[in-house]
Amino acid sequence: MGFWSKVKKLAKKVWRAAKAVVRAVIRIVVIVLTAPFKIWDFVFGWVGWPPKKLKLHIAVLKNSNGTALVTDLNDLQPAIDVLKQTFKERCNVKVVSYSSGNEREIDNWAQVIDEIPPAGALKVACGLDALWEDGGEAGEFFNRHTAGWVSGFIPISLAFPVTVFIVQEFSSGHLGCAVPVLTDYATVDVGAIFSKGNSVLAHEVAHRCNLWHVSQKENLLSTDRLPMPPFWLQWWQRNILRSSRHVTYLF
């Protein structure tokens, strides 16, 4: 590799890291500034009033051969329905599509990304490795295609919608992953989106709203989920989910 190629590669890494820092700062500022307006839900979210909304976008990746990992987007509808039902019944949160106006309703919820993703975005990491990768090549790809942002670091939506990327597999064997705290996206294994009673999508969106695993088997956040809904959330989980920056009153 020549000198200028090394410089160019280094410059890309620095630029990715800089954008990751900008995204983190923006999200921290939003969390701090909106904290006073979250007090009601953080304490009394279990009441489930007033009703709130969460905007969702699903992005399906293509494999290295250019074939969409999900060829018929309508196959995603059962998982979307479980998410909508669980959040509405347990938290009085209406999950709505980020997009609108498409002839097919499913196209308001999901789209196939035409760009061929880097290898790290097809076989993804989880946990702290994923947090580190948010500033790398895979993170750059995910953030560039996250709904509500331009160029991966300029927010254009005060709703901070959640984007779920359907990926090929996880290097760690996970079914899905939501990078801790300071991102607006989650990733789900293409095989898992149709498993566990179609609950993996709802499970990961709940993680994105700051919930963590619990031991209660019938709980949405249990690692030993029941085969079919309805799933439960404890009162304190409702408080945390409803006070997430992704869950709003107005947008």
Foldseek 3Di string as FASTA:
>chain_A
DDPVVVVVVVVLLVVLLVLLVLLQVVLVVLCVVCVVVLVCLLVPQQVLPDAWEFEEAEEFEAEPVQHTLDNDLVLLVQLVVLLQVQCCVRRNYGYDFPADDDPDRSVSHYDYDRDHAPPCLQADEAEVRNVVCCSPRNVQVCQCPAPQAHSSRRGNDQLLHEYEYAHAYYPVRDQKHDYPDRDRYIYGHSVSCNFLQNLVVNLHVLVNLVDAADCPAQASRHPNHHSHDDGHDDSSSSSSSCSGSNIGHPD
